[in-house]
C-alpha cells in the first residue's frame, strides 16, 4: 500500500507488499524489500538497498549524503539487512570513497529515536542503539551490542560483539568483546555477564570470560602479553579467542 501523498521515483524498486505512508520520499536508485513499512515522512535516498521486514518510523532520513566535507557527490551506498526497526528521526548516511564507499547495517537491530549512523559505519546483527546514540564515521559495531542513550563514538572505533556501553559514555577507543564500559571516562567495568546469560552462554564459559577480563585489565599485562595469555585460554574456551583477536588487531587501542 502506497499513500497518495508519497513521492516515489519511477526507477525505485519496491516490493509489492511494502507499505509507504503519508509524505514519504523515495529517491532514485533505491530498492526496498518485501514486508518493509515506512510509517510517514520518511526520506530514503539512493544508492540504498533495504532488505525484508524492516520498519521505519516517522521523520527518518535513510541513505542521505554524508556530512564529511570531503564528500563530493560520489554514488556511494547504504545496504540494510532484514527485520530492523528504525524509530523516530533516525539518520543513516551512505559511505565515502575514502573508505569502501559503503555503510552497512545487518539484521534484527533496533535503532531508537534520534540515533545516528554516520558514513562508512558497519553495524552487525541483533544490536540496540538507544536514544541519541551517535556513531561517527567508520565506526564498526559487532553483534549483540547494546549502546546506551546519549552515547557518542569517535571515528574509526570498533565495538566488539556482546559488549555493553552505558548511557552517556563518550568512547574514544575500541571496546573489546564481552566488556561493559561506562562513566565519564568510559572505563571498563567487567564482563557483560547478564547479557551473556540471556543469550544462553554456559556458566562455565562466562566464568572463563571473567578470568579473561582479569588477564586483560587487572593483572598489569601489556596488551601483547595479555593476547598471548588469552590465546592460551582459548584452547579450552574458544569464546576467548574473539577477545584475543580483537585486542591483537585494534588500531586505536582498547579502552582502559
C-alpha atoms as a PDB file:
ATOM      1  CA  UNK A   1       0.000   0.000   0.000  1.00  0.00           C
ATOM      2  CA  UNK A   2       1.365   3.383  -1.024  1.00  0.00           C
ATOM      3  CA  UNK A   3      -0.243   6.552   0.318  1.00  0.00           C
ATOM      4  CA  UNK A   4      -1.319   9.075  -2.284  1.00  0.00           C
ATOM      5  CA  UNK A   5       0.939  11.781  -0.811  1.00  0.00           C
ATOM      6  CA  UNK A   6       4.112   9.678  -1.049  1.00  0.00           C
ATOM      7  CA  UNK A   7       6.612  10.675  -3.746  1.00  0.00           C
ATOM      8  CA  UNK A   8       8.420   7.734  -5.354  1.00  0.00           C
ATOM      9  CA  UNK A   9      10.953   7.934  -8.145  1.00  0.00           C
ATOM     10  CA  UNK A  10       9.876   5.867 -11.168  1.00  0.00           C
ATOM     11  CA  UNK A  11      13.115   3.858 -11.139  1.00  0.00           C
ATOM     12  CA  UNK A  12      12.870   2.856  -7.454  1.00  0.00           C
ATOM     13  CA  UNK A  13      12.400  -0.905  -6.975  1.00  0.00           C
ATOM     14  CA  UNK A  14       9.663  -1.521  -4.395  1.00  0.00           C
ATOM     15  CA  UNK A  15       8.389  -4.984  -3.437  1.00  0.00           C
ATOM     16  CA  UNK A  16       4.650  -5.412  -3.926  1.00  0.00           C
ATOM     17  CA  UNK A  17       3.684  -5.653  -0.246  1.00  0.00           C
ATOM     18  CA  UNK A  18       5.759  -2.697   1.013  1.00  0.00           C
ATOM     19  CA  UNK A  19       3.718  -0.131   2.958  1.00  0.00           C
ATOM     20  CA  UNK A  20       4.682   3.511   2.323  1.00  0.00           C
ATOM     21  CA  UNK A  21       2.832   6.029   4.459  1.00  0.00           C
ATOM     22  CA  UNK A  22       1.971   9.712   4.044  1.00  0.00           C
ATOM     23  CA  UNK A  23       4.563  12.185   2.768  1.00  0.00           C
ATOM     24  CA  UNK A  24       7.398   9.709   2.346  1.00  0.00           C
ATOM     25  CA  UNK A  25      10.026  10.410  -0.324  1.00  0.00           C
ATOM     26  CA  UNK A  26      11.748   7.540  -2.138  1.00  0.00           C
ATOM     27  CA  UNK A  27      14.600   8.634  -4.402  1.00  0.00           C
ATOM     28  CA  UNK A  28      16.262   7.167  -7.472  1.00  0.00           C
ATOM     29  CA  UNK A  29      18.472   4.071  -7.028  1.00  0.00           C
ATOM     30  CA  UNK A  30      16.521   2.762  -4.021  1.00  0.00           C
ATOM     31  CA  UNK A  31      15.458  -0.863  -3.514  1.00  0.00           C
ATOM     32  CA  UNK A  32      13.052  -1.840  -0.724  1.00  0.00           C
ATOM     33  CA  UNK A  33      12.409  -5.488   0.128  1.00  0.00           C
ATOM     34  CA  UNK A  34       9.208  -7.329   0.951  1.00  0.00           C
ATOM     35  CA  UNK A  35       7.311  -6.673   4.165  1.00  0.00           C
ATOM     36  CA  UNK A  36       9.005  -3.346   4.882  1.00  0.00           C
ATOM     37  CA  UNK A  37       6.957  -0.491   6.347  1.00  0.00           C
ATOM     38  CA  UNK A  38       7.646   3.258   6.130  1.00  0.00           C
ATOM     39  CA  UNK A  39       5.211   4.872   8.541  1.00  0.00           C
ATOM     40  CA  UNK A  40       5.229   8.520   7.387  1.00  0.00           C
ATOM     41  CA  UNK A  41       7.558  11.399   6.436  1.00  0.00           C
ATOM     42  CA  UNK A  42      10.474   9.014   5.823  1.00  0.00           C
ATOM     43  CA  UNK A  43      13.105  10.025   3.259  1.00  0.00           C
ATOM     44  CA  UNK A  44      15.160   7.299   1.544  1.00  0.00           C
ATOM     45  CA  UNK A  45      17.908   8.431  -0.836  1.00  0.00           C
ATOM     46  CA  UNK A  46      19.983   6.321  -3.225  1.00  0.00           C
ATOM     47  CA  UNK A  47      22.024   4.306  -3.752  1.00  0.00           C
ATOM     48  CA  UNK A  48      20.309   2.374  -0.964  1.00  0.00           C
ATOM     49  CA  UNK A  49      19.240  -1.278  -0.700  1.00  0.00           C
ATOM     50  CA  UNK A  50      16.835  -2.188   2.116  1.00  0.00           C
ATOM     51  CA  UNK A  51      16.072  -5.824   2.884  1.00  0.00           C
ATOM     52  CA  UNK A  52      12.906  -7.509   4.110  1.00  0.00           C
ATOM     53  CA  UNK A  53      10.571  -6.713   7.009  1.00  0.00           C
ATOM     54  CA  UNK A  54      12.205  -3.502   8.151  1.00  0.00           C
ATOM     55  CA  UNK A  55      10.147  -0.798   9.848  1.00  0.00           C
ATOM     56  CA  UNK A  56      10.899   2.916   9.616  1.00  0.00           C
ATOM     57  CA  UNK A  57       9.075   5.333  11.888  1.00  0.00           C
ATOM     58  CA  UNK A  58       8.312   8.948  11.062  1.00  0.00           C
ATOM     59  CA  UNK A  59      10.905  11.547  10.070  1.00  0.00           C
ATOM     60  CA  UNK A  60      13.730   9.095   9.440  1.00  0.00           C
ATOM     61  CA  UNK A  61      16.449  10.073   6.964  1.00  0.00           C
ATOM     62  CA  UNK A  62      17.935   6.968   5.377  1.00  0.00           C
ATOM     63  CA  UNK A  63      20.756   6.904   2.824  1.00  0.00           C
ATOM     64  CA  UNK A  64      21.361  10.645   2.753  1.00  0.00           C
ATOM     65  CA  UNK A  65      24.623  12.247   1.601  1.00  0.00           C
ATOM     66  CA  UNK A  66      27.153  12.099   4.424  1.00  0.00           C
ATOM     67  CA  UNK A  67      28.380  15.083   6.436  1.00  0.00           C
ATOM     68  CA  UNK A  68      32.046  14.549   5.574  1.00  0.00           C
ATOM     69  CA  UNK A  69      33.397  17.716   3.905  1.00  0.00           C
ATOM     70  CA  UNK A  70      35.466  15.549   1.563  1.00  0.00           C
ATOM     71  CA  UNK A  71      32.323  14.038   0.076  1.00  0.00           C
ATOM     72  CA  UNK A  72      31.814  15.345  -3.466  1.00  0.00           C
ATOM     73  CA  UNK A  73      28.612  13.646  -4.564  1.00  0.00           C
ATOM     74  CA  UNK A  74      30.063  10.233  -5.450  1.00  0.00           C
ATOM     75  CA  UNK A  75      27.457   7.425  -5.856  1.00  0.00           C
ATOM     76  CA  UNK A  76      28.223   5.646  -2.589  1.00  0.00           C
ATOM     77  CA  UNK A  77      25.957   3.058  -0.994  1.00  0.00           C
ATOM     78  CA  UNK A  78      23.904   2.056   2.026  1.00  0.00           C
ATOM     79  CA  UNK A  79      22.908  -1.587   2.480  1.00  0.00           C
ATOM     80  CA  UNK A  80      20.399  -2.587   5.168  1.00  0.00           C
ATOM     81  CA  UNK A  81      19.583  -6.182   6.106  1.00  0.00           C
ATOM     82  CA  UNK A  82      16.297  -7.641   7.391  1.00  0.00           C
ATOM     83  CA  UNK A  83      13.999  -7.175  10.397  1.00  0.00           C
ATOM     84  CA  UNK A  84      15.458  -3.897  11.648  1.00  0.00           C
ATOM     85  CA  UNK A  85      13.456  -1.199  13.439  1.00  0.00           C
ATOM     86  CA  UNK A  86      14.344   2.463  12.948  1.00  0.00           C
ATOM     87  CA  UNK A  87      12.446   4.650  15.393  1.00  0.00           C
ATOM     88  CA  UNK A  88      11.603   8.343  15.056  1.00  0.00           C
ATOM     89  CA  UNK A  89      14.130  10.678  13.407  1.00  0.00           C
ATOM     90  CA  UNK A  90      16.898   8.108  12.982  1.00  0.00           C
ATOM     91  CA  UNK A  91      19.554   9.201  10.469  1.00  0.00           C
ATOM     92  CA  UNK A  92      21.754   6.849   8.441  1.00  0.00           C
ATOM     93  CA  UNK A  93      24.263   8.175   5.881  1.00  0.00           C
ATOM     94  CA  UNK A  94      25.887   6.483   2.907  1.00  0.00           C
ATOM     95  CA  UNK A  95      29.621   5.743   2.678  1.00  0.00           C
ATOM     96  CA  UNK A  96      32.538   7.667   1.209  1.00  0.00           C
ATOM     97  CA  UNK A  97      35.160   6.859  -1.382  1.00  0.00           C
ATOM     98  CA  UNK A  98      37.815   7.421   1.274  1.00  0.00           C
ATOM     99  CA  UNK A  99      36.699   4.066   2.721  1.00  0.00           C
ATOM    100  CA  UNK A 100      34.830   1.331   0.826  1.00  0.00           C
ATOM    101  CA  UNK A 101      32.008   3.596  -0.295  1.00  0.00           C
ATOM    102  CA  UNK A 102      29.588   1.613   1.868  1.00  0.00           C
ATOM    103  CA  UNK A 103      27.608   1.985   5.069  1.00  0.00           C
ATOM    104  CA  UNK A 104      26.229  -1.412   6.066  1.00  0.00           C
ATOM    105  CA  UNK A 105      23.640  -2.492   8.627  1.00  0.00           C
ATOM    106  CA  UNK A 106      22.931  -6.136   9.371  1.00  0.00           C
ATOM    107  CA  UNK A 107      19.682  -7.660  10.614  1.00  0.00           C
ATOM    108  CA  UNK A 108      17.476  -7.664  13.721  1.00  0.00           C
ATOM    109  CA  UNK A 109      18.761  -4.359  15.095  1.00  0.00           C
ATOM    110  CA  UNK A 110      16.830  -1.678  16.983  1.00  0.00           C
ATOM    111  CA  UNK A 111      17.719   1.970  16.440  1.00  0.00           C
ATOM    112  CA  UNK A 112      15.848   4.064  18.984  1.00  0.00           C
ATOM    113  CA  UNK A 113      14.761   7.657  18.392  1.00  0.00           C
ATOM    114  CA  UNK A 114      17.369  10.110  17.090  1.00  0.00           C
ATOM    115  CA  UNK A 115      20.144   7.528  16.790  1.00  0.00           C
ATOM    116  CA  UNK A 116      22.715   8.452  14.134  1.00  0.00           C
ATOM    117  CA  UNK A 117      24.815   6.146  11.943  1.00  0.00           C
ATOM    118  CA  UNK A 118      27.436   8.117  10.029  1.00  0.00           C
ATOM    119  CA  UNK A 119      29.226   7.340   6.772  1.00  0.00           C
ATOM    120  CA  UNK A 120      31.144   4.088   6.351  1.00  0.00           C
ATOM    121  CA  UNK A 121      29.872   2.558   9.583  1.00  0.00           C
ATOM    122  CA  UNK A 122      29.374  -1.199   9.801  1.00  0.00           C
ATOM    123  CA  UNK A 123      26.693  -2.433  12.215  1.00  0.00           C
ATOM    124  CA  UNK A 124      26.298  -6.169  12.793  1.00  0.00           C
ATOM    125  CA  UNK A 125      23.216  -8.095  13.928  1.00  0.00           C
ATOM    126  CA  UNK A 126      20.934  -8.154  16.973  1.00  0.00           C
ATOM    127  CA  UNK A 127      22.206  -4.885  18.443  1.00  0.00           C
ATOM    128  CA  UNK A 128      20.434  -1.966  20.139  1.00  0.00           C
ATOM    129  CA  UNK A 129      21.328   1.696  19.779  1.00  0.00           C
ATOM    130  CA  UNK A 130      19.314   3.572  22.409  1.00  0.00           C
ATOM    131  CA  UNK A 131      18.029   7.122  22.041  1.00  0.00           C
ATOM    132  CA  UNK A 132      20.564   9.607  20.652  1.00  0.00           C
ATOM    133  CA  UNK A 133      23.367   7.056  20.343  1.00  0.00           C
ATOM    134  CA  UNK A 134      25.742   8.625  17.827  1.00  0.00           C
ATOM    135  CA  UNK A 135      28.285   6.853  15.647  1.00  0.00           C
ATOM    136  CA  UNK A 136      30.932   8.966  13.919  1.00  0.00           C
ATOM    137  CA  UNK A 137      32.317   7.863  10.557  1.00  0.00           C
ATOM    138  CA  UNK A 138      33.953   4.457  10.044  1.00  0.00           C
ATOM    139  CA  UNK A 139      32.749   3.001  13.377  1.00  0.00           C
ATOM    140  CA  UNK A 140      32.294  -0.790  13.420  1.00  0.00           C
ATOM    141  CA  UNK A 141      29.762  -2.423  15.738  1.00  0.00           C
ATOM    142  CA  UNK A 142      29.742  -6.194  16.302  1.00  0.00           C
ATOM    143  CA  UNK A 143      26.781  -8.471  17.072  1.00  0.00           C
ATOM    144  CA  UNK A 144      24.586  -8.384  20.189  1.00  0.00           C
ATOM    145  CA  UNK A 145      25.919  -4.967  21.245  1.00  0.00           C
ATOM    146  CA  UNK A 146      23.942  -2.548  23.426  1.00  0.00           C
ATOM    147  CA  UNK A 147      24.754   1.158  23.234  1.00  0.00           C
ATOM    148  CA  UNK A 148      23.047   3.238  25.909  1.00  0.00           C
ATOM    149  CA  UNK A 149      21.281   6.533  25.379  1.00  0.00           C
ATOM    150  CA  UNK A 150      23.335   9.637  24.580  1.00  0.00           C
ATOM    151  CA  UNK A 151      26.481   7.607  23.882  1.00  0.00           C
ATOM    152  CA  UNK A 152      28.982   9.011  21.381  1.00  0.00           C
ATOM    153  CA  UNK A 153      31.676   7.137  19.450  1.00  0.00           C
ATOM    154  CA  UNK A 154      34.848   8.590  17.935  1.00  0.00           C
ATOM    155  CA  UNK A 155      35.501   7.853  14.273  1.00  0.00           C
ATOM    156  CA  UNK A 156      37.199   4.537  13.466  1.00  0.00           C
ATOM    157  CA  UNK A 157      36.326   2.987  16.846  1.00  0.00           C
ATOM    158  CA  UNK A 158      35.448  -0.710  16.869  1.00  0.00           C
ATOM    159  CA  UNK A 159      32.927  -2.063  19.381  1.00  0.00           C
ATOM    160  CA  UNK A 160      33.220  -5.800  19.959  1.00  0.00           C
ATOM    161  CA  UNK A 161      30.360  -8.299  19.988  1.00  0.00           C
ATOM    162  CA  UNK A 162      28.378  -8.817  23.219  1.00  0.00           C
ATOM    163  CA  UNK A 163      29.706  -5.588  24.729  1.00  0.00           C
ATOM    164  CA  UNK A 164      27.640  -3.042  26.651  1.00  0.00           C
ATOM    165  CA  UNK A 165      28.197   0.721  26.731  1.00  0.00           C
ATOM    166  CA  UNK A 166      26.355   2.590  29.482  1.00  0.00           C
ATOM    167  CA  UNK A 167      24.348   5.708  28.767  1.00  0.00           C
ATOM    168  CA  UNK A 168      26.197   8.994  28.330  1.00  0.00           C
ATOM    169  CA  UNK A 169      29.593   7.431  27.640  1.00  0.00           C
ATOM    170  CA  UNK A 170      31.981   9.125  25.221  1.00  0.00           C
ATOM    171  CA  UNK A 171      34.036   6.385  23.588  1.00  0.00           C
ATOM    172  CA  UNK A 172      37.420   7.301  22.124  1.00  0.00           C
ATOM    173  CA  UNK A 173      38.996   3.839  21.840  1.00  0.00           C
ATOM    174  CA  UNK A 174      37.993   0.302  20.904  1.00  0.00           C
ATOM    175  CA  UNK A 175      35.739  -1.716  23.225  1.00  0.00           C
ATOM    176  CA  UNK A 176      36.684  -5.419  23.396  1.00  0.00           C
ATOM    177  CA  UNK A 177      34.022  -8.129  23.059  1.00  0.00           C
ATOM    178  CA  UNK A 178      32.005  -9.018  26.195  1.00  0.00           C
ATOM    179  CA  UNK A 179      33.177  -5.914  28.094  1.00  0.00           C
ATOM    180  CA  UNK A 180      30.950  -3.355  29.857  1.00  0.00           C
ATOM    181  CA  UNK A 181      32.100   0.250  29.905  1.00  0.00           C
ATOM    182  CA  UNK A 182      30.630   3.389  31.427  1.00  0.00           C
ATOM    183  CA  UNK A 183      31.279   6.574  33.348  1.00  0.00           C
ATOM    184  CA  UNK A 184      32.636   9.948  32.326  1.00  0.00           C
ATOM    185  CA  UNK A 185      35.949   8.430  31.223  1.00  0.00           C
ATOM    186  CA  UNK A 186      34.381   5.370  29.596  1.00  0.00           C
ATOM    187  CA  UNK A 187      36.312   2.969  31.785  1.00  0.00           C
ATOM    188  CA  UNK A 188      35.797  -0.830  31.786  1.00  0.00           C
ATOM    189  CA  UNK A 189      33.517  -2.335  34.429  1.00  0.00           C
ATOM    190  CA  UNK A 190      33.752  -6.091  33.966  1.00  0.00           C
ATOM    191  CA  UNK A 191      32.102  -8.608  31.683  1.00  0.00           C
ATOM    192  CA  UNK A 192      28.566  -8.218  30.348  1.00  0.00           C
ATOM    193  CA  UNK A 193      27.586 -11.383  32.200  1.00  0.00           C
ATOM    194  CA  UNK A 194      23.860 -10.642  32.380  1.00  0.00           C
ATOM    195  CA  UNK A 195      23.679 -10.189  28.622  1.00  0.00           C
ATOM    196  CA  UNK A 196      25.624 -13.409  28.084  1.00  0.00           C
ATOM    197  CA  UNK A 197      23.228 -15.324  30.370  1.00  0.00           C
ATOM    198  CA  UNK A 198      20.262 -14.037  28.376  1.00  0.00           C
ATOM    199  CA  UNK A 199      21.894 -15.279  25.167  1.00  0.00           C
ATOM    200  CA  UNK A 200      22.415 -18.771  26.565  1.00  0.00           C
ATOM    201  CA  UNK A 201      26.138 -18.717  27.348  1.00  0.00           C
ATOM    202  CA  UNK A 202      27.163 -21.564  29.650  1.00  0.00           C
ATOM    203  CA  UNK A 203      28.042 -20.506  33.201  1.00  0.00           C
ATOM    204  CA  UNK A 204      31.497 -22.067  32.898  1.00  0.00           C
ATOM    205  CA  UNK A 205      32.157 -20.062  29.722  1.00  0.00           C
ATOM    206  CA  UNK A 206      31.078 -16.875  31.491  1.00  0.00           C
ATOM    207  CA  UNK A 207      33.467 -17.701  34.335  1.00  0.00           C
ATOM    208  CA  UNK A 208      36.319 -18.109  31.866  1.00  0.00           C
ATOM    209  CA  UNK A 209      35.427 -14.810  30.209  1.00  0.00           C
ATOM    210  CA  UNK A 210      35.606 -13.164  33.629  1.00  0.00           C
ATOM    211  CA  UNK A 211      39.082 -14.621  34.018  1.00  0.00           C
ATOM    212  CA  UNK A 212      39.992 -13.359  30.556  1.00  0.00           C
ATOM    213  CA  UNK A 213      38.844  -9.887  31.595  1.00  0.00           C
ATOM    214  CA  UNK A 214      41.179 -10.021  34.587  1.00  0.00           C
ATOM    215  CA  UNK A 215      44.062 -11.030  32.345  1.00  0.00           C
ATOM    216  CA  UNK A 216      43.333  -8.066  30.105  1.00  0.00           C
ATOM    217  CA  UNK A 217      42.594  -5.444  32.729  1.00  0.00           C
ATOM    218  CA  UNK A 218      43.559  -6.462  36.262  1.00  0.00           C
ATOM    219  CA  UNK A 219      46.882  -8.277  36.161  1.00  0.00           C
ATOM    220  CA  UNK A 220      49.113  -5.498  34.857  1.00  0.00           C
ATOM    221  CA  UNK A 221      49.886  -7.080  31.499  1.00  0.00           C
ATOM    222  CA  UNK A 222      50.724  -5.129  28.372  1.00  0.00           C
ATOM    223  CA  UNK A 223      48.250  -5.687  25.546  1.00  0.00           C
ATOM    224  CA  UNK A 224      50.564  -8.031  23.647  1.00  0.00           C
ATOM    225  CA  UNK A 225      51.257 -10.047  26.805  1.00  0.00           C
ATOM    226  CA  UNK A 226      47.527 -10.300  27.506  1.00  0.00           C
ATOM    227  CA  UNK A 227      46.864 -11.509  23.957  1.00  0.00           C
ATOM    228  CA  UNK A 228      49.321 -14.379  24.390  1.00  0.00           C
ATOM    229  CA  UNK A 229      47.632 -15.460  27.610  1.00  0.00           C
ATOM    230  CA  UNK A 230      44.161 -15.111  26.103  1.00  0.00           C
ATOM    231  CA  UNK A 231      45.162 -17.317  23.178  1.00  0.00           C
ATOM    232  CA  UNK A 232      46.284 -19.963  25.660  1.00  0.00           C
ATOM    233  CA  UNK A 233      42.894 -19.771  27.393  1.00  0.00           C
ATOM    234  CA  UNK A 234      41.129 -20.022  24.026  1.00  0.00           C
ATOM    235  CA  UNK A 235      42.443 -23.569  23.556  1.00  0.00           C
ATOM    236  CA  UNK A 236      39.874 -24.779  26.076  1.00  0.00           C
ATOM    237  CA  UNK A 237      37.389 -21.882  25.834  1.00  0.00           C
ATOM    238  CA  UNK A 238      37.037 -20.863  22.153  1.00  0.00           C
ATOM    239  CA  UNK A 239      34.878 -17.857  23.091  1.00  0.00           C
ATOM    240  CA  UNK A 240      38.000 -16.162  24.488  1.00  0.00           C
ATOM    241  CA  UNK A 241      39.542 -16.197  21.003  1.00  0.00           C
ATOM    242  CA  UNK A 242      37.139 -13.440  19.929  1.00  0.00           C
ATOM    243  CA  UNK A 243      38.578 -11.172  22.614  1.00  0.00           C
ATOM    244  CA  UNK A 244      42.184 -12.103  21.855  1.00  0.00           C
ATOM    245  CA  UNK A 245      41.835 -11.427  18.135  1.00  0.00           C
ATOM    246  CA  UNK A 246      40.038  -8.144  18.750  1.00  0.00           C
ATOM    247  CA  UNK A 247      42.774  -6.800  21.037  1.00  0.00           C
ATOM    248  CA  UNK A 248      45.529  -8.022  18.711  1.00  0.00           C
ATOM    249  CA  UNK A 249      44.058  -6.154  15.724  1.00  0.00           C
ATOM    250  CA  UNK A 250      42.883  -2.997  17.493  1.00  0.00           C
ATOM    251  CA  UNK A 251      44.155   0.073  15.629  1.00  0.00           C
ATOM    252  CA  UNK A 252      43.014   2.709  18.140  1.00  0.00           C
ATOM    253  CA  UNK A 253      43.920   0.779  21.272  1.00  0.00           C
ATOM    254  CA  UNK A 254      41.340  -0.505  23.733  1.00  0.00           C
ATOM    255  CA  UNK A 255      39.547   1.378  26.498  1.00  0.00           C
ATOM    256  CA  UNK A 256      41.440   1.261  29.780  1.00  0.00           C
END
